[in-house]
Amino acid sequence: MAAPAPYTKTEWPELEGEDLRDALVTISQQRPDVTGVFLIIGLTENAPPNIAGGVRVIINIGIDENGPWIRNPPPPRIG
């Protein structure tokens, strides 16, 4: 599958509850143009501006005894 056009918005709601490492593999396979990952602990949708440019994935995570996992809402997204 070809990568989406640069800066195309993508969300991954199906990754809710998934292990962070597994989610990163899925995202990198679907969006090889990603240049950075920004992790937010908790449910806030606010992320700092993307000053460095490029394509950044924003992922809200929770952490428990099994390690980090994907929170939803909001789902992992390009931002």
PDB file of N, CA and C in Angstrom:
ATOM      1  N   MET A   1       0.839  -1.165   0.000  1.00  0.00           N
ATOM      2  CA  MET A   1       0.000   0.000   0.000  1.00  0.00           C
ATOM      3  C   MET A   1       0.895   1.241   0.000  1.00  0.00           C
ATOM      4  N   ALA A   2       0.616   2.182  -0.880  1.00  0.00           N
ATOM      5  CA  ALA A   2       1.392   3.416  -0.953  1.00  0.00           C
ATOM      6  C   ALA A   2       1.066   4.309   0.238  1.00  0.00           C
ATOM      7  N   ALA A   3       2.037   5.085   0.640  1.00  0.00           N
ATOM      8  CA  ALA A   3       1.828   6.018   1.763  1.00  0.00           C
ATOM      9  C   ALA A   3       0.864   7.120   1.348  1.00  0.00           C
ATOM     10  N   PRO A   4       0.046   7.611   2.286  1.00  0.00           N
ATOM     11  CA  PRO A   4      -0.836   8.738   1.986  1.00  0.00           C
ATOM     12  C   PRO A   4      -0.021   9.978   1.622  1.00  0.00           C
ATOM     13  N   ALA A   5      -0.668  10.928   0.982  1.00  0.00           N
ATOM     14  CA  ALA A   5       0.001  12.185   0.661  1.00  0.00           C
ATOM     15  C   ALA A   5       0.536  12.814   1.951  1.00  0.00           C
ATOM     16  N   PRO A   6       1.684  13.492   1.886  1.00  0.00           N
ATOM     17  CA  PRO A   6       2.231  14.122   3.094  1.00  0.00           C
ATOM     18  C   PRO A   6       1.205  15.020   3.781  1.00  0.00           C
ATOM     19  N   TYR A   7       1.220  14.997   5.075  1.00  0.00           N
ATOM     20  CA  TYR A   7       0.358  15.817   5.932  1.00  0.00           C
ATOM     21  C   TYR A   7      -1.118  15.448   5.850  1.00  0.00           C
ATOM     22  N   THR A   8      -1.437  14.301   5.255  1.00  0.00           N
ATOM     23  CA  THR A   8      -2.810  13.815   5.277  1.00  0.00           C
ATOM     24  C   THR A   8      -3.133  13.396   6.701  1.00  0.00           C
ATOM     25  N   LYS A   9      -4.275  13.846   7.217  1.00  0.00           N
ATOM     26  CA  LYS A   9      -4.673  13.476   8.576  1.00  0.00           C
ATOM     27  C   LYS A   9      -5.044  11.998   8.605  1.00  0.00           C
ATOM     28  N   THR A  10      -4.552  11.294   9.588  1.00  0.00           N
ATOM     29  CA  THR A  10      -4.860   9.880   9.786  1.00  0.00           C
ATOM     30  C   THR A  10      -5.145   9.676  11.259  1.00  0.00           C
ATOM     31  N   GLU A  11      -6.145   8.851  11.579  1.00  0.00           N
ATOM     32  CA  GLU A  11      -6.421   8.461  12.959  1.00  0.00           C
ATOM     33  C   GLU A  11      -6.492   6.945  13.022  1.00  0.00           C
ATOM     34  N   TRP A  12      -6.175   6.392  14.173  1.00  0.00           N
ATOM     35  CA  TRP A  12      -6.173   4.951  14.372  1.00  0.00           C
ATOM     36  C   TRP A  12      -7.009   4.569  15.587  1.00  0.00           C
ATOM     37  N   PRO A  13      -8.335   4.723  15.560  1.00  0.00           N
ATOM     38  CA  PRO A  13      -9.152   4.365  16.730  1.00  0.00           C
ATOM     39  C   PRO A  13      -9.102   2.871  17.046  1.00  0.00           C
ATOM     40  N   GLU A  14      -8.777   2.052  16.061  1.00  0.00           N
ATOM     41  CA  GLU A  14      -8.720   0.605  16.286  1.00  0.00           C
ATOM     42  C   GLU A  14      -7.557   0.197  17.183  1.00  0.00           C
ATOM     43  N   LEU A  15      -6.643   1.110  17.469  1.00  0.00           N
ATOM     44  CA  LEU A  15      -5.494   0.787  18.318  1.00  0.00           C
ATOM     45  C   LEU A  15      -5.767   0.989  19.799  1.00  0.00           C
ATOM     46  N   GLU A  16      -6.972   1.398  20.156  1.00  0.00           N
ATOM     47  CA  GLU A  16      -7.320   1.599  21.570  1.00  0.00           C
ATOM     48  C   GLU A  16      -7.009   0.346  22.374  1.00  0.00           C
ATOM     49  N   GLY A  17      -6.307   0.510  23.480  1.00  0.00           N
ATOM     50  CA  GLY A  17      -5.988  -0.601  24.367  1.00  0.00           C
ATOM     51  C   GLY A  17      -4.801  -1.435  23.924  1.00  0.00           C
ATOM     52  N   GLU A  18      -4.254  -1.167  22.752  1.00  0.00           N
ATOM     53  CA  GLU A  18      -3.119  -1.951  22.255  1.00  0.00           C
ATOM     54  C   GLU A  18      -1.829  -1.556  22.972  1.00  0.00           C
ATOM     55  N   ASP A  19      -0.894  -2.470  22.989  1.00  0.00           N
ATOM     56  CA  ASP A  19       0.443  -2.216  23.504  1.00  0.00           C
ATOM     57  C   ASP A  19       1.099  -1.126  22.656  1.00  0.00           C
ATOM     58  N   LEU A  20       1.830  -0.223  23.280  1.00  0.00           N
ATOM     59  CA  LEU A  20       2.448   0.895  22.569  1.00  0.00           C
ATOM     60  C   LEU A  20       3.379   0.409  21.464  1.00  0.00           C
ATOM     61  N   ARG A  21       4.199  -0.590  21.731  1.00  0.00           N
ATOM     62  CA  ARG A  21       5.131  -1.081  20.706  1.00  0.00           C
ATOM     63  C   ARG A  21       4.393  -1.622  19.491  1.00  0.00           C
ATOM     64  N   ASP A  22       3.331  -2.393  19.725  1.00  0.00           N
ATOM     65  CA  ASP A  22       2.544  -2.933  18.613  1.00  0.00           C
ATOM     66  C   ASP A  22       1.905  -1.810  17.806  1.00  0.00           C
ATOM     67  N   ALA A  23       1.407  -0.792  18.506  1.00  0.00           N
ATOM     68  CA  ALA A  23       0.783   0.342  17.819  1.00  0.00           C
ATOM     69  C   ALA A  23       1.801   1.088  16.960  1.00  0.00           C
ATOM     70  N   LEU A  24       3.008   1.274  17.475  1.00  0.00           N
ATOM     71  CA  LEU A  24       4.035   1.974  16.704  1.00  0.00           C
ATOM     72  C   LEU A  24       4.416   1.208  15.444  1.00  0.00           C
ATOM     73  N   VAL A  25       4.448  -0.112  15.522  1.00  0.00           N
ATOM     74  CA  VAL A  25       4.729  -0.921  14.334  1.00  0.00           C
ATOM     75  C   VAL A  25       3.625  -0.724  13.302  1.00  0.00           C
ATOM     76  N   THR A  26       2.365  -0.799  13.735  1.00  0.00           N
ATOM     77  CA  THR A  26       1.235  -0.612  12.822  1.00  0.00           C
ATOM     78  C   THR A  26       1.290   0.759  12.164  1.00  0.00           C
ATOM     79  N   ILE A  27       1.494   1.789  12.969  1.00  0.00           N
ATOM     80  CA  ILE A  27       1.527   3.155  12.439  1.00  0.00           C
ATOM     81  C   ILE A  27       2.680   3.334  11.457  1.00  0.00           C
ATOM     82  N   SER A  28       3.862   2.834  11.795  1.00  0.00           N
ATOM     83  CA  SER A  28       5.010   3.017  10.900  1.00  0.00           C
ATOM     84  C   SER A  28       4.845   2.251   9.592  1.00  0.00           C
ATOM     85  N   GLN A  29       4.128   1.133   9.613  1.00  0.00           N
ATOM     86  CA  GLN A  29       3.865   0.400   8.377  1.00  0.00           C
ATOM     87  C   GLN A  29       2.889   1.162   7.486  1.00  0.00           C
ATOM     88  N   GLN A  30       1.896   1.808   8.100  1.00  0.00           N
ATOM     89  CA  GLN A  30       0.888   2.531   7.331  1.00  0.00           C
ATOM     90  C   GLN A  30       1.333   3.934   6.941  1.00  0.00           C
ATOM     91  N   ARG A  31       2.213   4.534   7.728  1.00  0.00           N
ATOM     92  CA  ARG A  31       2.670   5.911   7.470  1.00  0.00           C
ATOM     93  C   ARG A  31       4.194   5.981   7.541  1.00  0.00           C
ATOM     94  N   PRO A  32       4.897   5.480   6.514  1.00  0.00           N
ATOM     95  CA  PRO A  32       6.357   5.520   6.543  1.00  0.00           C
ATOM     96  C   PRO A  32       6.927   6.939   6.476  1.00  0.00           C
ATOM     97  N   ASP A  33       6.072   7.940   6.233  1.00  0.00           N
ATOM     98  CA  ASP A  33       6.529   9.326   6.165  1.00  0.00           C
ATOM     99  C   ASP A  33       6.618   9.998   7.534  1.00  0.00           C
ATOM    100  N   VAL A  34       6.248   9.291   8.605  1.00  0.00           N
ATOM    101  CA  VAL A  34       6.285   9.868   9.953  1.00  0.00           C
ATOM    102  C   VAL A  34       7.731  10.179  10.340  1.00  0.00           C
ATOM    103  N   THR A  35       7.948  11.385  10.851  1.00  0.00           N
ATOM    104  CA  THR A  35       9.293  11.801  11.255  1.00  0.00           C
ATOM    105  C   THR A  35       9.457  11.904  12.764  1.00  0.00           C
ATOM    106  N   GLY A  36       8.353  11.761  13.516  1.00  0.00           N
ATOM    107  CA  GLY A  36       8.445  11.843  14.966  1.00  0.00           C
ATOM    108  C   GLY A  36       7.188  11.348  15.640  1.00  0.00           C
ATOM    109  N   VAL A  37       7.327  10.956  16.902  1.00  0.00           N
ATOM    110  CA  VAL A  37       6.197  10.490  17.705  1.00  0.00           C
ATOM    111  C   VAL A  37       6.169  11.325  18.979  1.00  0.00           C
ATOM    112  N   PHE A  38       4.985  11.830  19.332  1.00  0.00           N
ATOM    113  CA  PHE A  38       4.808  12.648  20.528  1.00  0.00           C
ATOM    114  C   PHE A  38       3.849  11.915  21.444  1.00  0.00           C
ATOM    115  N   LEU A  39       4.302  11.516  22.631  1.00  0.00           N
ATOM    116  CA  LEU A  39       3.470  10.776  23.576  1.00  0.00           C
ATOM    117  C   LEU A  39       2.922  11.714  24.643  1.00  0.00           C
ATOM    118  N   ILE A  40       1.616  11.593  24.927  1.00  0.00           N
ATOM    119  CA  ILE A  40       0.966  12.373  25.973  1.00  0.00           C
ATOM    120  C   ILE A  40       0.394  11.388  26.981  1.00  0.00           C
ATOM    121  N   ILE A  41       0.754  11.523  28.250  1.00  0.00           N
ATOM    122  CA  ILE A  41       0.184  10.668  29.289  1.00  0.00           C
ATOM    123  C   ILE A  41      -1.145  11.282  29.707  1.00  0.00           C
ATOM    124  N   GLY A  42      -2.224  10.512  29.576  1.00  0.00           N
ATOM    125  CA  GLY A  42      -3.554  10.999  29.933  1.00  0.00           C
ATOM    126  C   GLY A  42      -4.421  11.242  28.715  1.00  0.00           C
ATOM    127  N   LEU A  43      -5.508  11.998  28.917  1.00  0.00           N
ATOM    128  CA  LEU A  43      -6.514  12.158  27.873  1.00  0.00           C
ATOM    129  C   LEU A  43      -6.521  13.516  27.193  1.00  0.00           C
ATOM    130  N   THR A  44      -5.647  14.431  27.567  1.00  0.00           N
ATOM    131  CA  THR A  44      -5.683  15.752  26.950  1.00  0.00           C
ATOM    132  C   THR A  44      -5.445  15.671  25.447  1.00  0.00           C
ATOM    133  N   GLU A  45      -6.126  16.517  24.691  1.00  0.00           N
ATOM    134  CA  GLU A  45      -5.917  16.556  23.243  1.00  0.00           C
ATOM    135  C   GLU A  45      -4.941  17.651  22.855  1.00  0.00           C
ATOM    136  N   ASN A  46      -4.480  18.429  23.825  1.00  0.00           N
ATOM    137  CA  ASN A  46      -3.569  19.537  23.537  1.00  0.00           C
ATOM    138  C   ASN A  46      -2.146  19.022  23.378  1.00  0.00           C
ATOM    139  N   ALA A  47      -1.509  19.436  22.298  1.00  0.00           N
ATOM    140  CA  ALA A  47      -0.109  19.097  22.071  1.00  0.00           C
ATOM    141  C   ALA A  47       0.608  20.368  21.639  1.00  0.00           C
ATOM    142  N   PRO A  48       1.875  20.502  21.993  1.00  0.00           N
ATOM    143  CA  PRO A  48       2.620  21.682  21.562  1.00  0.00           C
ATOM    144  C   PRO A  48       2.664  21.773  20.036  1.00  0.00           C
ATOM    145  N   PRO A  49       2.883  22.976  19.501  1.00  0.00           N
ATOM    146  CA  PRO A  49       2.981  23.122  18.051  1.00  0.00           C
ATOM    147  C   PRO A  49       4.127  22.288  17.492  1.00  0.00           C
ATOM    148  N   ASN A  50       3.974  21.898  16.261  1.00  0.00           N
ATOM    149  CA  ASN A  50       4.979  21.083  15.581  1.00  0.00           C
ATOM    150  C   ASN A  50       6.025  22.004  14.948  1.00  0.00           C
ATOM    151  N   ILE A  51       6.865  22.597  15.776  1.00  0.00           N
ATOM    152  CA  ILE A  51       7.845  23.589  15.323  1.00  0.00           C
ATOM    153  C   ILE A  51       8.879  22.977  14.381  1.00  0.00           C
ATOM    154  N   ALA A  52       9.266  21.745  14.641  1.00  0.00           N
ATOM    155  CA  ALA A  52      10.302  21.100  13.836  1.00  0.00           C
ATOM    156  C   ALA A  52       9.814  20.740  12.441  1.00  0.00           C
ATOM    157  N   GLY A  53       8.504  20.765  12.228  1.00  0.00           N
ATOM    158  CA  GLY A  53       7.969  20.373  10.930  1.00  0.00           C
ATOM    159  C   GLY A  53       7.958  18.868  10.777  1.00  0.00           C
ATOM    160  N   GLY A  54       7.735  18.406   9.583  1.00  0.00           N
ATOM    161  CA  GLY A  54       7.651  16.978   9.333  1.00  0.00           C
ATOM    162  C   GLY A  54       6.294  16.437   9.731  1.00  0.00           C
ATOM    163  N   VAL A  55       6.176  15.140   9.721  1.00  0.00           N
ATOM    164  CA  VAL A  55       4.922  14.461  10.045  1.00  0.00           C
ATOM    165  C   VAL A  55       5.078  13.838  11.421  1.00  0.00           C
ATOM    166  N   ARG A  56       4.267  14.297  12.366  1.00  0.00           N
ATOM    167  CA  ARG A  56       4.370  13.848  13.753  1.00  0.00           C
ATOM    168  C   ARG A  56       3.103  13.102  14.136  1.00  0.00           C
ATOM    169  N   VAL A  57       3.260  11.953  14.778  1.00  0.00           N
ATOM    170  CA  VAL A  57       2.128  11.199  15.312  1.00  0.00           C
ATOM    171  C   VAL A  57       1.977  11.573  16.781  1.00  0.00           C
ATOM    172  N   ILE A  58       0.742  11.892  17.181  1.00  0.00           N
ATOM    173  CA  ILE A  58       0.443  12.212  18.575  1.00  0.00           C
ATOM    174  C   ILE A  58      -0.314  11.033  19.163  1.00  0.00           C
ATOM    175  N   ILE A  59       0.186  10.475  20.261  1.00  0.00           N
ATOM    176  CA  ILE A  59      -0.425   9.303  20.875  1.00  0.00           C
ATOM    177  C   ILE A  59      -0.651   9.577  22.357  1.00  0.00           C
ATOM    178  N   ASN A  60      -1.894   9.441  22.793  1.00  0.00           N
ATOM    179  CA  ASN A  60      -2.199   9.513  24.221  1.00  0.00           C
ATOM    180  C   ASN A  60      -2.029   8.117  24.797  1.00  0.00           C
ATOM    181  N   ILE A  61      -1.280   8.020  25.905  1.00  0.00           N
ATOM    182  CA  ILE A  61      -1.019   6.712  26.496  1.00  0.00           C
ATOM    183  C   ILE A  61      -1.445   6.683  27.958  1.00  0.00           C
ATOM    184  N   GLY A  62      -1.692   5.485  28.423  1.00  0.00           N
ATOM    185  CA  GLY A  62      -1.857   5.196  29.836  1.00  0.00           C
ATOM    186  C   GLY A  62      -0.736   4.250  30.211  1.00  0.00           C
ATOM    187  N   ILE A  63      -0.390   4.195  31.471  1.00  0.00           N
ATOM    188  CA  ILE A  63       0.667   3.291  31.923  1.00  0.00           C
ATOM    189  C   ILE A  63       0.138   2.515  33.117  1.00  0.00           C
ATOM    190  N   ASP A  64       0.262   1.194  33.063  1.00  0.00           N
ATOM    191  CA  ASP A  64      -0.130   0.358  34.191  1.00  0.00           C
ATOM    192  C   ASP A  64       0.960  -0.675  34.442  1.00  0.00           C
ATOM    193  N   GLU A  65       0.649  -1.706  35.220  1.00  0.00           N
ATOM    194  CA  GLU A  65       1.671  -2.705  35.566  1.00  0.00           C
ATOM    195  C   GLU A  65       2.204  -3.463  34.356  1.00  0.00           C
ATOM    196  N   ASN A  66       1.481  -3.423  33.234  1.00  0.00           N
ATOM    197  CA  ASN A  66       1.927  -4.095  32.014  1.00  0.00           C
ATOM    198  C   ASN A  66       2.697  -3.173  31.078  1.00  0.00           C
ATOM    199  N   GLY A  67       2.854  -1.907  31.460  1.00  0.00           N
ATOM    200  CA  GLY A  67       3.573  -0.955  30.618  1.00  0.00           C
ATOM    201  C   GLY A  67       2.625   0.000  29.915  1.00  0.00           C
ATOM    202  N   PRO A  68       3.134   0.762  28.937  1.00  0.00           N
ATOM    203  CA  PRO A  68       2.303   1.756  28.259  1.00  0.00           C
ATOM    204  C   PRO A  68       1.317   1.114  27.284  1.00  0.00           C
ATOM    205  N   TRP A  69       0.146   1.721  27.188  1.00  0.00           N
ATOM    206  CA  TRP A  69      -0.892   1.262  26.268  1.00  0.00           C
ATOM    207  C   TRP A  69      -1.595   2.479  25.682  1.00  0.00           C
ATOM    208  N   ILE A  70      -2.320   2.281  24.580  1.00  0.00           N
ATOM    209  CA  ILE A  70      -2.949   3.366  23.837  1.00  0.00           C
ATOM    210  C   ILE A  70      -4.281   3.741  24.460  1.00  0.00           C
ATOM    211  N   ARG A  71      -4.477   5.044  24.722  1.00  0.00           N
ATOM    212  CA  ARG A  71      -5.737   5.557  25.272  1.00  0.00           C
ATOM    213  C   ARG A  71      -6.644   5.989  24.127  1.00  0.00           C
ATOM    214  N   ASN A  72      -7.931   6.001  24.387  1.00  0.00           N
ATOM    215  CA  ASN A  72      -8.893   6.500  23.407  1.00  0.00           C
ATOM    216  C   ASN A  72     -10.136   6.920  24.165  1.00  0.00           C
ATOM    217  N   PRO A  73     -10.706   8.113  24.027  1.00  0.00           N
ATOM    218  CA  PRO A  73     -10.230   9.132  23.093  1.00  0.00           C
ATOM    219  C   PRO A  73      -9.046   9.892  23.673  1.00  0.00           C
ATOM    220  N   PRO A  74      -8.361  10.660  22.896  1.00  0.00           N
ATOM    221  CA  PRO A  74      -8.388  10.675  21.440  1.00  0.00           C
ATOM    222  C   PRO A  74      -7.510   9.561  20.890  1.00  0.00           C
ATOM    223  N   PRO A  75      -7.797   9.095  19.686  1.00  0.00           N
ATOM    224  CA  PRO A  75      -6.980   8.031  19.105  1.00  0.00           C
ATOM    225  C   PRO A  75      -5.636   8.580  18.626  1.00  0.00           C
ATOM    226  N   PRO A  76      -4.665   7.688  18.367  1.00  0.00           N
ATOM    227  CA  PRO A  76      -3.426   8.147  17.745  1.00  0.00           C
ATOM    228  C   PRO A  76      -3.766   8.902  16.464  1.00  0.00           C
ATOM    229  N   ARG A  77      -3.042   9.990  16.208  1.00  0.00           N
ATOM    230  CA  ARG A  77      -3.387  10.828  15.074  1.00  0.00           C
ATOM    231  C   ARG A  77      -2.167  11.594  14.582  1.00  0.00           C
ATOM    232  N   ILE A  78      -2.236  12.023  13.342  1.00  0.00           N
ATOM    233  CA  ILE A  78      -1.211  12.892  12.778  1.00  0.00           C
ATOM    234  C   ILE A  78      -1.496  14.304  13.253  1.00  0.00           C
ATOM    235  N   GLY A  79      -0.474  15.007  13.718  1.00  0.00           N
ATOM    236  CA  GLY A  79      -0.706  16.378  14.169  1.00  0.00           C
ATOM    237  C   GLY A  79       0.575  17.154  14.283  1.00  0.00           C
TER     238      GLY A  79
END
